[in-house]
């Protein structure tokens, strides 16, 4: 399963990034027990930015989850304020906290995201600061394999220390319900704080 996720991630970076990309961002973030790699390609279209993203999250031996995102983003309201709507798919293996169960997560969720770059008058330091937040929700009807619901909320900031690279700080909360046929229902919720670097090509 890990090989499939890695192959999908490499394909996402190489194919759209080299052929179609107007804006490619690649990031790696980590905490004491989590490592996360992400990539996003943004294509400028008359309707706004069409974004294709993906990533891999690995939490020691507890879970390995791959994700893919397609979203439409626009700054129609204000130039420094970007919001988006889309769909996010997740797939991976998740272990119950006591290690009794090891089930498969597969879901396609509705995704909403907001990015906001602080105005110079509200920025306390002499570098661009971008705030971001997103939420993804997959109900029972869009959850497959052993999973019956998926919720993810994420927020943080990016400090653009140089023009094409930033320091990335984020907090992510996930809540996953499982209804496997071989054992009792169970739930896995997780809060992770991440720090890393994102580069823009």
Foldseek 3Di string as FASTA:
>chain_A
DVVVLVVVQVCVCPPCVVPPAPKKKWKWKDDPFKIKIKMKGWHQDPQATWIWMKMWMDGHPFKIKIKIWTWGKDQVPHPQKIKIKTKMWMWIWGADPVRPDIFIWTFIWIKIKMKGWDDPVPDPDDFIKIKMKMKTWGAQVGIDGFWGIKIKIKIWMWTCPDDFKTKTKMKMWMKIWTHDPVDHIDIDIDIDIMIIMMGMD
